[in-house]
Amino acid sequence: MLKVGLTGGIGAGKSEVSRLLVEHGAVLIDADRIAREVVAPGTPGLAAVVEAFGEEILAPDGSLDRPRLGSIVFADPEKLAVLNSIVHPLVGARSLELENAAAEGAVVIHDVPLLTENGLAPLYDLVVVVDTSPETQLERLVRLRGMTEIDARARMAAQATREQRREIADIVIDNDVPLDALHKRVAEVWDDLVRRAREPRAASGGGRPRDGGAE
């Protein structure tokens, strides 16, 4: 099994890259999707979030009002840290369950938005970063997600910088390119991942090789 951490800033197009990798045959473990599952109505996770932030972060149907919660935590680093302390352990436990269920020779892609921020790179055999300029991120968030420019900039500011993400990258996928160029680059990366998955590696219990460098 090859364990790959996939990350990128909000609006970088990481979801499209993960979708393409799945088409090629990757096993995807999506931290964002799991983060939604662990705070679904009736879960201990949602109960803990409500206890920390109050019932005003609930929608009328009892589900988590994610935009409301986001407007609170992304404007206050301390509150964001509280939310992360609740959600991240739950996401980690579920991700491990899914990883253990994958086939022995699989390429397992962990789609982790905050991989850089939380220092998670050592957990993976290598890290793939989807990279775009901040200008592209901002434009996509406003145009495609309907955010205000103020909200978009706050979300971006709460994440690692472009330079910090590139520092931990073993492979960089440039997504300031046309879609056909992105497809070609992802296909190249997939071939590389398959090759790496077939190479014998020292049994070290997982984690990245020490000499990995950005491509």
N, C-alpha and C. Protein backbone atom coordinates (compact mmCIF):
# COMPACT_ATOMS: atom_id res chain seq x y z
N MET A 1 0.84 -1.20 0.00
CA MET A 1 0.00 0.00 0.00
C MET A 1 0.87 1.25 0.00
N LEU A 2 0.52 2.21 -0.84
CA LEU A 2 1.19 3.50 -0.84
C LEU A 2 0.22 4.53 -0.27
N LYS A 3 0.63 5.17 0.82
CA LYS A 3 -0.22 6.16 1.48
C LYS A 3 0.21 7.56 1.03
N VAL A 4 -0.71 8.25 0.38
CA VAL A 4 -0.42 9.56 -0.21
C VAL A 4 -1.27 10.62 0.47
N GLY A 5 -0.64 11.68 0.95
CA GLY A 5 -1.37 12.82 1.46
C GLY A 5 -1.56 13.83 0.35
N LEU A 6 -2.80 14.17 0.05
CA LEU A 6 -3.13 15.14 -0.99
C LEU A 6 -3.68 16.39 -0.32
N THR A 7 -3.10 17.54 -0.65
CA THR A 7 -3.57 18.77 -0.02
C THR A 7 -3.44 19.94 -0.99
N GLY A 8 -3.94 21.07 -0.56
CA GLY A 8 -3.93 22.29 -1.36
C GLY A 8 -4.80 23.32 -0.69
N GLY A 9 -4.57 24.58 -1.00
CA GLY A 9 -5.37 25.63 -0.40
C GLY A 9 -6.81 25.59 -0.88
N ILE A 10 -7.69 26.21 -0.12
CA ILE A 10 -9.10 26.28 -0.50
C ILE A 10 -9.22 26.95 -1.87
N GLY A 11 -9.99 26.33 -2.75
CA GLY A 11 -10.15 26.86 -4.09
C GLY A 11 -9.06 26.46 -5.06
N ALA A 12 -8.12 25.60 -4.62
CA ALA A 12 -7.02 25.20 -5.50
C ALA A 12 -7.44 24.16 -6.54
N GLY A 13 -8.55 23.49 -6.30
CA GLY A 13 -9.00 22.46 -7.24
C GLY A 13 -8.61 21.06 -6.81
N LYS A 14 -8.37 20.88 -5.52
CA LYS A 14 -7.97 19.58 -5.00
C LYS A 14 -9.03 18.51 -5.23
N SER A 15 -10.30 18.88 -5.14
CA SER A 15 -11.37 17.90 -5.34
C SER A 15 -11.36 17.34 -6.75
N GLU A 16 -11.07 18.19 -7.72
CA GLU A 16 -10.99 17.72 -9.11
C GLU A 16 -9.81 16.76 -9.27
N VAL A 17 -8.70 17.07 -8.66
CA VAL A 17 -7.54 16.19 -8.75
C VAL A 17 -7.84 14.85 -8.09
N SER A 18 -8.46 14.86 -6.93
CA SER A 18 -8.79 13.60 -6.27
C SER A 18 -9.78 12.80 -7.10
N ARG A 19 -10.73 13.47 -7.74
CA ARG A 19 -11.69 12.76 -8.60
C ARG A 19 -10.97 12.07 -9.76
N LEU A 20 -10.02 12.76 -10.35
CA LEU A 20 -9.27 12.18 -11.46
C LEU A 20 -8.43 11.00 -10.99
N LEU A 21 -7.83 11.11 -9.83
CA LEU A 21 -7.03 10.01 -9.31
C LEU A 21 -7.89 8.78 -9.05
N VAL A 22 -9.10 9.00 -8.55
CA VAL A 22 -10.03 7.87 -8.34
C VAL A 22 -10.36 7.21 -9.68
N GLU A 23 -10.56 8.01 -10.73
CA GLU A 23 -10.82 7.44 -12.06
C GLU A 23 -9.68 6.55 -12.52
N HIS A 24 -8.47 6.90 -12.13
CA HIS A 24 -7.31 6.09 -12.50
C HIS A 24 -7.18 4.83 -11.65
N GLY A 25 -7.86 4.79 -10.51
CA GLY A 25 -7.82 3.58 -9.69
C GLY A 25 -7.43 3.79 -8.23
N ALA A 26 -7.27 5.03 -7.80
CA ALA A 26 -6.90 5.30 -6.41
C ALA A 26 -8.06 5.01 -5.46
N VAL A 27 -7.71 4.66 -4.23
CA VAL A 27 -8.68 4.57 -3.14
C VAL A 27 -8.66 5.92 -2.42
N LEU A 28 -9.80 6.59 -2.37
CA LEU A 28 -9.86 7.94 -1.81
C LEU A 28 -10.42 7.91 -0.40
N ILE A 29 -9.71 8.57 0.51
CA ILE A 29 -10.21 8.82 1.86
C ILE A 29 -10.28 10.33 2.01
N ASP A 30 -11.50 10.86 1.98
CA ASP A 30 -11.75 12.30 1.91
C ASP A 30 -12.02 12.85 3.30
N ALA A 31 -11.06 13.60 3.83
CA ALA A 31 -11.20 14.11 5.19
C ALA A 31 -12.38 15.07 5.33
N ASP A 32 -12.65 15.87 4.29
CA ASP A 32 -13.78 16.79 4.35
C ASP A 32 -15.10 16.03 4.47
N ARG A 33 -15.24 14.98 3.67
CA ARG A 33 -16.46 14.17 3.72
C ARG A 33 -16.62 13.51 5.08
N ILE A 34 -15.53 12.98 5.59
CA ILE A 34 -15.58 12.34 6.90
C ILE A 34 -15.90 13.38 7.98
N ALA A 35 -15.34 14.59 7.83
CA ALA A 35 -15.61 15.64 8.81
C ALA A 35 -17.10 15.98 8.86
N ARG A 36 -17.78 15.84 7.75
CA ARG A 36 -19.23 16.05 7.74
C ARG A 36 -19.95 14.88 8.41
N GLU A 37 -19.47 13.67 8.17
CA GLU A 37 -20.11 12.50 8.75
C GLU A 37 -20.03 12.51 10.27
N VAL A 38 -18.88 12.93 10.82
CA VAL A 38 -18.70 12.83 12.27
C VAL A 38 -19.45 13.91 13.04
N VAL A 39 -20.01 14.90 12.33
CA VAL A 39 -20.86 15.90 13.00
C VAL A 39 -22.27 15.88 12.42
N ALA A 40 -22.68 14.75 11.89
CA ALA A 40 -24.05 14.60 11.39
C ALA A 40 -25.02 14.59 12.58
N PRO A 41 -26.30 14.90 12.33
CA PRO A 41 -27.27 14.89 13.43
C PRO A 41 -27.27 13.56 14.19
N GLY A 42 -27.28 13.65 15.50
CA GLY A 42 -27.31 12.47 16.34
C GLY A 42 -25.95 11.92 16.73
N THR A 43 -24.88 12.50 16.21
CA THR A 43 -23.55 11.98 16.52
C THR A 43 -22.97 12.66 17.76
N PRO A 44 -22.07 11.97 18.46
CA PRO A 44 -21.37 12.61 19.58
C PRO A 44 -20.57 13.83 19.14
N GLY A 45 -20.08 13.80 17.90
CA GLY A 45 -19.32 14.93 17.38
C GLY A 45 -20.14 16.20 17.33
N LEU A 46 -21.37 16.10 16.82
CA LEU A 46 -22.23 17.29 16.76
C LEU A 46 -22.58 17.76 18.16
N ALA A 47 -22.84 16.84 19.06
CA ALA A 47 -23.16 17.22 20.43
C ALA A 47 -22.01 18.01 21.06
N ALA A 48 -20.78 17.59 20.79
CA ALA A 48 -19.61 18.28 21.34
C ALA A 48 -19.45 19.67 20.74
N VAL A 49 -19.73 19.80 19.44
CA VAL A 49 -19.63 21.11 18.79
C VAL A 49 -20.69 22.06 19.35
N VAL A 50 -21.89 21.57 19.54
CA VAL A 50 -22.97 22.40 20.10
C VAL A 50 -22.62 22.83 21.52
N GLU A 51 -22.04 21.92 22.29
CA GLU A 51 -21.65 22.26 23.66
C GLU A 51 -20.61 23.37 23.67
N ALA A 52 -19.72 23.34 22.67
CA ALA A 52 -18.64 24.33 22.63
C ALA A 52 -19.09 25.68 22.08
N PHE A 53 -20.03 25.67 21.12
CA PHE A 53 -20.36 26.92 20.41
C PHE A 53 -21.81 27.36 20.56
N GLY A 54 -22.65 26.54 21.17
CA GLY A 54 -24.03 26.93 21.39
C GLY A 54 -24.95 26.47 20.27
N GLU A 55 -26.25 26.45 20.56
CA GLU A 55 -27.23 25.94 19.61
C GLU A 55 -27.45 26.86 18.42
N GLU A 56 -26.89 28.07 18.46
CA GLU A 56 -27.04 28.98 17.31
C GLU A 56 -26.30 28.48 16.08
N ILE A 57 -25.43 27.47 16.24
CA ILE A 57 -24.72 26.94 15.07
C ILE A 57 -25.49 25.77 14.43
N LEU A 58 -26.73 25.58 14.89
CA LEU A 58 -27.58 24.55 14.29
C LEU A 58 -28.56 25.17 13.30
N ALA A 59 -28.79 24.44 12.20
CA ALA A 59 -29.82 24.83 11.24
C ALA A 59 -31.19 24.43 11.81
N PRO A 60 -32.29 24.94 11.24
CA PRO A 60 -33.62 24.60 11.75
C PRO A 60 -33.92 23.10 11.79
N ASP A 61 -33.30 22.33 10.90
CA ASP A 61 -33.56 20.88 10.90
C ASP A 61 -32.66 20.11 11.87
N GLY A 62 -31.85 20.83 12.65
CA GLY A 62 -31.00 20.17 13.63
C GLY A 62 -29.62 19.80 13.13
N SER A 63 -29.36 20.04 11.86
CA SER A 63 -28.03 19.76 11.31
C SER A 63 -27.10 20.94 11.59
N LEU A 64 -25.81 20.72 11.36
CA LEU A 64 -24.85 21.78 11.59
C LEU A 64 -24.97 22.85 10.50
N ASP A 65 -25.09 24.09 10.93
CA ASP A 65 -25.11 25.22 9.99
C ASP A 65 -23.65 25.58 9.72
N ARG A 66 -23.08 24.96 8.70
CA ARG A 66 -21.65 25.10 8.46
C ARG A 66 -21.23 26.54 8.10
N PRO A 67 -22.01 27.25 7.26
CA PRO A 67 -21.62 28.65 7.02
C PRO A 67 -21.62 29.49 8.29
N ARG A 68 -22.61 29.28 9.16
CA ARG A 68 -22.67 30.03 10.41
C ARG A 68 -21.46 29.71 11.28
N LEU A 69 -21.16 28.43 11.41
CA LEU A 69 -20.02 28.03 12.23
C LEU A 69 -18.72 28.56 11.62
N GLY A 70 -18.63 28.49 10.29
CA GLY A 70 -17.43 28.97 9.63
C GLY A 70 -17.19 30.45 9.86
N SER A 71 -18.27 31.23 9.84
CA SER A 71 -18.13 32.67 10.06
C SER A 71 -17.62 32.98 11.47
N ILE A 72 -17.88 32.06 12.40
CA ILE A 72 -17.42 32.25 13.77
C ILE A 72 -15.95 31.84 13.92
N VAL A 73 -15.62 30.64 13.47
CA VAL A 73 -14.28 30.11 13.77
C VAL A 73 -13.19 30.69 12.88
N PHE A 74 -13.51 31.03 11.64
CA PHE A 74 -12.46 31.52 10.76
C PHE A 74 -12.10 32.98 11.05
N ALA A 75 -12.86 33.61 11.91
CA ALA A 75 -12.52 34.97 12.35
C ALA A 75 -11.83 34.98 13.70
N ASP A 76 -11.64 33.78 14.30
CA ASP A 76 -11.07 33.71 15.65
C ASP A 76 -10.20 32.46 15.75
N PRO A 77 -8.88 32.57 15.70
CA PRO A 77 -8.00 31.40 15.74
C PRO A 77 -8.22 30.51 16.96
N GLU A 78 -8.55 31.10 18.11
CA GLU A 78 -8.78 30.28 19.30
C GLU A 78 -10.01 29.40 19.14
N LYS A 79 -11.07 29.96 18.57
CA LYS A 79 -12.28 29.17 18.36
C LYS A 79 -12.07 28.10 17.29
N LEU A 80 -11.28 28.44 16.28
CA LEU A 80 -10.95 27.44 15.27
C LEU A 80 -10.18 26.28 15.89
N ALA A 81 -9.28 26.59 16.81
CA ALA A 81 -8.52 25.54 17.49
C ALA A 81 -9.44 24.64 18.32
N VAL A 82 -10.44 25.23 18.94
CA VAL A 82 -11.40 24.44 19.71
C VAL A 82 -12.16 23.48 18.79
N LEU A 83 -12.64 24.00 17.66
CA LEU A 83 -13.36 23.15 16.72
C LEU A 83 -12.47 22.01 16.23
N ASN A 84 -11.23 22.35 15.89
CA ASN A 84 -10.31 21.32 15.39
C ASN A 84 -10.04 20.25 16.44
N SER A 85 -9.97 20.65 17.70
CA SER A 85 -9.71 19.68 18.76
C SER A 85 -10.85 18.69 18.93
N ILE A 86 -12.04 19.08 18.49
CA ILE A 86 -13.20 18.17 18.55
C ILE A 86 -13.24 17.27 17.32
N VAL A 87 -13.10 17.88 16.15
CA VAL A 87 -13.35 17.16 14.90
C VAL A 87 -12.17 16.31 14.46
N HIS A 88 -10.96 16.82 14.60
CA HIS A 88 -9.81 16.12 14.02
C HIS A 88 -9.58 14.71 14.57
N PRO A 89 -9.69 14.47 15.89
CA PRO A 89 -9.53 13.10 16.37
C PRO A 89 -10.58 12.14 15.80
N LEU A 90 -11.79 12.62 15.64
CA LEU A 90 -12.84 11.78 15.06
C LEU A 90 -12.55 11.46 13.61
N VAL A 91 -12.09 12.44 12.87
CA VAL A 91 -11.74 12.23 11.46
C VAL A 91 -10.57 11.26 11.35
N GLY A 92 -9.57 11.43 12.20
CA GLY A 92 -8.41 10.55 12.17
C GLY A 92 -8.77 9.09 12.42
N ALA A 93 -9.63 8.86 13.37
CA ALA A 93 -10.02 7.48 13.70
C ALA A 93 -10.78 6.84 12.55
N ARG A 94 -11.69 7.57 11.95
CA ARG A 94 -12.46 7.03 10.82
C ARG A 94 -11.57 6.82 9.59
N SER A 95 -10.63 7.73 9.36
CA SER A 95 -9.72 7.59 8.23
C SER A 95 -8.88 6.33 8.36
N LEU A 96 -8.43 6.04 9.57
CA LEU A 96 -7.63 4.84 9.80
C LEU A 96 -8.44 3.58 9.53
N GLU A 97 -9.71 3.59 9.91
CA GLU A 97 -10.57 2.44 9.63
C GLU A 97 -10.65 2.19 8.12
N LEU A 98 -10.85 3.25 7.35
CA LEU A 98 -10.98 3.10 5.91
C LEU A 98 -9.66 2.67 5.27
N GLU A 99 -8.56 3.20 5.77
CA GLU A 99 -7.26 2.81 5.23
C GLU A 99 -7.00 1.32 5.46
N ASN A 100 -7.32 0.85 6.64
CA ASN A 100 -7.09 -0.55 6.97
C ASN A 100 -7.94 -1.49 6.13
N ALA A 101 -9.03 -0.97 5.57
CA ALA A 101 -9.91 -1.79 4.74
C ALA A 101 -9.45 -1.86 3.29
N ALA A 102 -8.46 -1.03 2.88
CA ALA A 102 -7.99 -1.01 1.50
C ALA A 102 -7.12 -2.23 1.21
N ALA A 103 -7.05 -2.59 -0.06
CA ALA A 103 -6.24 -3.73 -0.49
C ALA A 103 -4.77 -3.46 -0.23
N GLU A 104 -4.01 -4.52 -0.10
CA GLU A 104 -2.60 -4.40 0.27
C GLU A 104 -1.80 -3.57 -0.72
N GLY A 105 -2.06 -3.72 -2.02
CA GLY A 105 -1.28 -3.02 -3.03
C GLY A 105 -1.89 -1.72 -3.52
N ALA A 106 -2.86 -1.21 -2.79
CA ALA A 106 -3.60 -0.03 -3.26
C ALA A 106 -2.77 1.25 -3.14
N VAL A 107 -3.11 2.22 -3.99
CA VAL A 107 -2.64 3.59 -3.81
C VAL A 107 -3.77 4.31 -3.09
N VAL A 108 -3.54 4.65 -1.83
CA VAL A 108 -4.57 5.26 -0.99
C VAL A 108 -4.30 6.76 -0.91
N ILE A 109 -5.25 7.54 -1.39
CA ILE A 109 -5.13 8.99 -1.39
C ILE A 109 -5.90 9.56 -0.20
N HIS A 110 -5.18 10.18 0.73
CA HIS A 110 -5.82 10.87 1.84
C HIS A 110 -5.96 12.34 1.44
N ASP A 111 -7.18 12.75 1.13
CA ASP A 111 -7.47 14.14 0.77
C ASP A 111 -7.64 14.92 2.07
N VAL A 112 -6.62 15.71 2.42
CA VAL A 112 -6.58 16.37 3.73
C VAL A 112 -6.33 17.87 3.54
N PRO A 113 -7.37 18.70 3.63
CA PRO A 113 -7.17 20.13 3.41
C PRO A 113 -6.15 20.78 4.34
N LEU A 114 -6.11 20.38 5.61
CA LEU A 114 -5.23 21.02 6.59
C LEU A 114 -4.01 20.16 6.91
N LEU A 115 -3.55 19.42 5.95
CA LEU A 115 -2.38 18.56 6.14
C LEU A 115 -1.16 19.37 6.58
N THR A 116 -0.92 20.49 5.89
CA THR A 116 0.24 21.32 6.21
C THR A 116 0.09 21.96 7.58
N GLU A 117 -1.07 22.53 7.83
CA GLU A 117 -1.30 23.27 9.07
C GLU A 117 -1.15 22.38 10.30
N ASN A 118 -1.53 21.12 10.18
CA ASN A 118 -1.52 20.22 11.33
C ASN A 118 -0.27 19.33 11.38
N GLY A 119 0.69 19.60 10.52
CA GLY A 119 1.95 18.86 10.56
C GLY A 119 1.80 17.37 10.31
N LEU A 120 0.93 17.01 9.37
CA LEU A 120 0.61 15.60 9.15
C LEU A 120 1.46 14.92 8.08
N ALA A 121 2.35 15.66 7.43
CA ALA A 121 3.13 15.07 6.33
C ALA A 121 3.85 13.78 6.71
N PRO A 122 4.42 13.65 7.92
CA PRO A 122 5.14 12.42 8.25
C PRO A 122 4.26 11.16 8.28
N LEU A 123 2.95 11.33 8.28
CA LEU A 123 2.05 10.17 8.32
C LEU A 123 1.97 9.46 6.98
N TYR A 124 2.46 10.08 5.90
CA TYR A 124 2.27 9.55 4.56
C TYR A 124 3.59 9.19 3.90
N ASP A 125 3.52 8.30 2.93
CA ASP A 125 4.71 7.94 2.18
C ASP A 125 5.20 9.10 1.33
N LEU A 126 4.28 9.89 0.84
CA LEU A 126 4.63 11.13 0.15
C LEU A 126 3.44 12.06 0.14
N VAL A 127 3.72 13.33 -0.15
CA VAL A 127 2.69 14.37 -0.14
C VAL A 127 2.59 14.98 -1.53
N VAL A 128 1.36 15.09 -2.03
CA VAL A 128 1.06 15.75 -3.30
C VAL A 128 0.32 17.04 -2.98
N VAL A 129 0.82 18.15 -3.50
CA VAL A 129 0.20 19.45 -3.28
C VAL A 129 -0.38 19.97 -4.59
N VAL A 130 -1.67 20.32 -4.55
CA VAL A 130 -2.31 20.99 -5.69
C VAL A 130 -2.09 22.48 -5.48
N ASP A 131 -1.43 23.11 -6.43
CA ASP A 131 -0.94 24.48 -6.24
C ASP A 131 -1.59 25.44 -7.22
N THR A 132 -2.05 26.56 -6.69
CA THR A 132 -2.54 27.67 -7.52
C THR A 132 -2.12 28.98 -6.87
N SER A 133 -2.19 30.04 -7.63
CA SER A 133 -1.88 31.35 -7.08
C SER A 133 -3.01 31.81 -6.15
N PRO A 134 -2.71 32.66 -5.18
CA PRO A 134 -3.76 33.21 -4.33
C PRO A 134 -4.84 33.95 -5.13
N GLU A 135 -4.43 34.58 -6.21
CA GLU A 135 -5.41 35.29 -7.05
C GLU A 135 -6.42 34.32 -7.65
N THR A 136 -5.93 33.16 -8.09
CA THR A 136 -6.82 32.15 -8.65
C THR A 136 -7.75 31.60 -7.57
N GLN A 137 -7.20 31.33 -6.39
CA GLN A 137 -8.03 30.85 -5.29
C GLN A 137 -9.17 31.83 -5.01
N LEU A 138 -8.83 33.10 -4.87
CA LEU A 138 -9.84 34.10 -4.54
C LEU A 138 -10.91 34.17 -5.61
N GLU A 139 -10.51 34.18 -6.85
CA GLU A 139 -11.48 34.28 -7.96
C GLU A 139 -12.42 33.09 -7.95
N ARG A 140 -11.90 31.90 -7.71
CA ARG A 140 -12.74 30.69 -7.71
C ARG A 140 -13.71 30.69 -6.53
N LEU A 141 -13.24 31.14 -5.38
CA LEU A 141 -14.12 31.14 -4.21
C LEU A 141 -15.29 32.10 -4.38
N VAL A 142 -15.02 33.23 -4.97
CA VAL A 142 -16.07 34.22 -5.18
C VAL A 142 -16.99 33.79 -6.31
N ARG A 143 -16.41 33.32 -7.42
CA ARG A 143 -17.22 33.01 -8.60
C ARG A 143 -17.93 31.66 -8.49
N LEU A 144 -17.25 30.65 -7.97
CA LEU A 144 -17.81 29.30 -7.97
C LEU A 144 -18.53 28.95 -6.67
N ARG A 145 -18.09 29.49 -5.56
CA ARG A 145 -18.70 29.14 -4.28
C ARG A 145 -19.59 30.23 -3.72
N GLY A 146 -19.62 31.38 -4.39
CA GLY A 146 -20.51 32.45 -3.97
C GLY A 146 -20.10 33.15 -2.69
N MET A 147 -18.84 33.04 -2.30
CA MET A 147 -18.38 33.73 -1.10
C MET A 147 -18.20 35.22 -1.38
N THR A 148 -18.32 36.01 -0.34
CA THR A 148 -17.90 37.39 -0.47
C THR A 148 -16.37 37.42 -0.46
N GLU A 149 -15.81 38.50 -0.98
CA GLU A 149 -14.35 38.58 -1.00
C GLU A 149 -13.79 38.59 0.42
N ILE A 150 -14.48 39.21 1.36
CA ILE A 150 -14.02 39.25 2.74
C ILE A 150 -13.98 37.84 3.33
N ASP A 151 -15.06 37.07 3.14
CA ASP A 151 -15.10 35.70 3.66
C ASP A 151 -14.04 34.83 3.00
N ALA A 152 -13.87 34.99 1.69
CA ALA A 152 -12.88 34.19 0.98
C ALA A 152 -11.47 34.46 1.49
N ARG A 153 -11.17 35.74 1.68
CA ARG A 153 -9.83 36.09 2.18
C ARG A 153 -9.61 35.57 3.60
N ALA A 154 -10.67 35.57 4.42
CA ALA A 154 -10.56 35.05 5.78
C ALA A 154 -10.28 33.56 5.76
N ARG A 155 -10.95 32.83 4.88
CA ARG A 155 -10.71 31.39 4.79
C ARG A 155 -9.28 31.12 4.34
N MET A 156 -8.82 31.87 3.36
CA MET A 156 -7.46 31.69 2.86
C MET A 156 -6.43 32.03 3.94
N ALA A 157 -6.68 33.11 4.69
CA ALA A 157 -5.74 33.54 5.72
C ALA A 157 -5.64 32.53 6.87
N ALA A 158 -6.71 31.74 7.07
CA ALA A 158 -6.71 30.75 8.15
C ALA A 158 -5.91 29.51 7.78
N GLN A 159 -5.50 29.39 6.53
CA GLN A 159 -4.75 28.23 6.08
C GLN A 159 -3.26 28.56 5.95
N ALA A 160 -2.48 27.52 5.69
CA ALA A 160 -1.05 27.72 5.43
C ALA A 160 -0.86 28.55 4.16
N THR A 161 0.31 29.13 4.04
CA THR A 161 0.62 29.89 2.83
C THR A 161 0.99 28.93 1.69
N ARG A 162 0.96 29.48 0.51
CA ARG A 162 1.37 28.70 -0.66
C ARG A 162 2.78 28.17 -0.48
N GLU A 163 3.68 28.98 0.04
CA GLU A 163 5.07 28.58 0.23
C GLU A 163 5.19 27.46 1.26
N GLN A 164 4.41 27.53 2.32
CA GLN A 164 4.46 26.48 3.33
C GLN A 164 3.99 25.14 2.78
N ARG A 165 2.97 25.15 1.95
CA ARG A 165 2.51 23.90 1.35
C ARG A 165 3.56 23.32 0.41
N ARG A 166 4.18 24.17 -0.39
CA ARG A 166 5.18 23.68 -1.33
C ARG A 166 6.41 23.12 -0.62
N GLU A 167 6.70 23.63 0.56
CA GLU A 167 7.86 23.14 1.31
C GLU A 167 7.73 21.68 1.70
N ILE A 168 6.51 21.21 1.93
CA ILE A 168 6.33 19.81 2.35
C ILE A 168 6.01 18.89 1.18
N ALA A 169 5.93 19.43 -0.02
CA ALA A 169 5.49 18.65 -1.18
C ALA A 169 6.60 17.75 -1.71
N ASP A 170 6.23 16.50 -2.00
CA ASP A 170 7.08 15.62 -2.79
C ASP A 170 6.75 15.77 -4.28
N ILE A 171 5.47 16.02 -4.55
CA ILE A 171 4.99 16.22 -5.92
C ILE A 171 4.06 17.42 -5.91
N VAL A 172 4.22 18.32 -6.88
CA VAL A 172 3.36 19.49 -7.02
C VAL A 172 2.56 19.37 -8.31
N ILE A 173 1.26 19.58 -8.21
CA ILE A 173 0.40 19.63 -9.39
C ILE A 173 -0.07 21.06 -9.57
N ASP A 174 0.35 21.68 -10.66
CA ASP A 174 -0.01 23.07 -10.95
C ASP A 174 -1.43 23.09 -11.51
N ASN A 175 -2.33 23.81 -10.83
CA ASN A 175 -3.70 23.91 -11.32
C ASN A 175 -4.05 25.32 -11.77
N ASP A 176 -3.04 26.09 -12.15
CA ASP A 176 -3.27 27.34 -12.86
C ASP A 176 -3.14 27.07 -14.35
N VAL A 177 -3.79 26.01 -14.81
CA VAL A 177 -3.64 25.55 -16.19
C VAL A 177 -5.01 25.16 -16.75
N PRO A 178 -5.14 25.04 -18.08
CA PRO A 178 -6.40 24.55 -18.65
C PRO A 178 -6.70 23.13 -18.19
N LEU A 179 -7.96 22.74 -18.26
CA LEU A 179 -8.39 21.44 -17.74
C LEU A 179 -7.68 20.28 -18.42
N ASP A 180 -7.45 20.37 -19.73
CA ASP A 180 -6.80 19.26 -20.41
C ASP A 180 -5.36 19.09 -19.94
N ALA A 181 -4.69 20.21 -19.62
CA ALA A 181 -3.33 20.13 -19.10
C ALA A 181 -3.33 19.52 -17.70
N LEU A 182 -4.35 19.84 -16.90
CA LEU A 182 -4.45 19.25 -15.58
C LEU A 182 -4.65 17.74 -15.69
N HIS A 183 -5.51 17.30 -16.60
CA HIS A 183 -5.75 15.87 -16.78
C HIS A 183 -4.45 15.15 -17.15
N LYS A 184 -3.67 15.76 -18.03
CA LYS A 184 -2.41 15.15 -18.45
C LYS A 184 -1.44 15.05 -17.27
N ARG A 185 -1.35 16.10 -16.47
CA ARG A 185 -0.44 16.10 -15.33
C ARG A 185 -0.86 15.06 -14.29
N VAL A 186 -2.16 14.94 -14.03
CA VAL A 186 -2.63 13.96 -13.07
C VAL A 186 -2.33 12.54 -13.56
N ALA A 187 -2.47 12.30 -14.85
CA ALA A 187 -2.13 10.98 -15.40
C ALA A 187 -0.65 10.66 -15.19
N GLU A 188 0.20 11.67 -15.37
CA GLU A 188 1.63 11.48 -15.13
C GLU A 188 1.91 11.16 -13.66
N VAL A 189 1.24 11.89 -12.79
CA VAL A 189 1.42 11.65 -11.36
C VAL A 189 0.93 10.26 -10.98
N TRP A 190 -0.20 9.85 -11.55
CA TRP A 190 -0.72 8.52 -11.25
C TRP A 190 0.27 7.44 -11.64
N ASP A 191 0.85 7.55 -12.81
CA ASP A 191 1.84 6.56 -13.24
C ASP A 191 3.01 6.51 -12.25
N ASP A 192 3.41 7.67 -11.75
CA ASP A 192 4.49 7.74 -10.77
C ASP A 192 4.08 7.06 -9.46
N LEU A 193 2.86 7.30 -9.02
CA LEU A 193 2.39 6.69 -7.78
C LEU A 193 2.31 5.18 -7.89
N VAL A 194 1.83 4.69 -9.02
CA VAL A 194 1.75 3.24 -9.22
C VAL A 194 3.15 2.63 -9.19
N ARG A 195 4.10 3.30 -9.84
CA ARG A 195 5.48 2.81 -9.82
C ARG A 195 6.02 2.76 -8.40
N ARG A 196 5.77 3.80 -7.63
CA ARG A 196 6.24 3.84 -6.25
C ARG A 196 5.58 2.76 -5.41
N ALA A 197 4.29 2.52 -5.66
CA ALA A 197 3.57 1.51 -4.89
C ALA A 197 4.14 0.12 -5.11
N ARG A 198 4.74 -0.10 -6.27
CA ARG A 198 5.29 -1.42 -6.60
C ARG A 198 6.72 -1.60 -6.11
N GLU A 199 7.36 -0.50 -5.74
CA GLU A 199 8.74 -0.57 -5.26
C GLU A 199 8.77 -1.10 -3.84
N PRO A 200 9.74 -1.97 -3.53
CA PRO A 200 9.87 -2.42 -2.13
C PRO A 200 10.31 -1.26 -1.25
N ARG A 201 9.70 -1.16 -0.06
CA ARG A 201 10.06 -0.11 0.88
C ARG A 201 10.34 -0.73 2.23
N ALA A 202 11.22 -0.11 2.95
CA ALA A 202 11.56 -0.63 4.27
C ALA A 202 10.32 -0.62 5.15
N ALA A 203 10.15 -1.64 5.96
CA ALA A 203 9.00 -1.74 6.85
C ALA A 203 9.22 -0.82 8.05
N SER A 204 8.72 0.39 7.93
CA SER A 204 8.94 1.37 8.99
C SER A 204 7.64 1.81 9.64
N GLY A 205 6.55 1.13 9.29
CA GLY A 205 5.28 1.50 9.89
C GLY A 205 4.64 2.71 9.23
N GLY A 206 5.04 2.99 7.99
CA GLY A 206 4.45 4.14 7.29
C GLY A 206 5.31 5.36 7.46
N GLY A 207 4.93 6.42 6.80
CA GLY A 207 5.66 7.67 6.90
C GLY A 207 6.48 7.93 5.66
N ARG A 208 6.90 9.18 5.47
CA ARG A 208 7.55 9.59 4.25
C ARG A 208 9.03 9.24 4.26
N PRO A 209 9.58 8.98 3.08
CA PRO A 209 11.03 8.82 2.99
C PRO A 209 11.69 10.15 3.31
N ARG A 210 12.85 10.08 3.95
CA ARG A 210 13.49 11.31 4.42
C ARG A 210 14.06 12.15 3.30
N ASP A 211 14.30 11.55 2.14
CA ASP A 211 14.94 12.30 1.07
C ASP A 211 13.95 12.76 0.01
N GLY A 212 12.65 12.77 0.33
CA GLY A 212 11.66 13.20 -0.66
C GLY A 212 11.81 14.68 -0.98
N GLY A 213 11.75 15.03 -2.26
CA GLY A 213 11.83 16.42 -2.65
C GLY A 213 10.74 16.77 -3.62
N ALA A 214 10.38 18.04 -3.71
CA ALA A 214 9.29 18.47 -4.60
C ALA A 214 9.70 18.26 -6.03
N GLU A 215 8.74 17.80 -6.83
CA GLU A 215 8.95 17.63 -8.25
C GLU A 215 8.26 18.73 -9.02
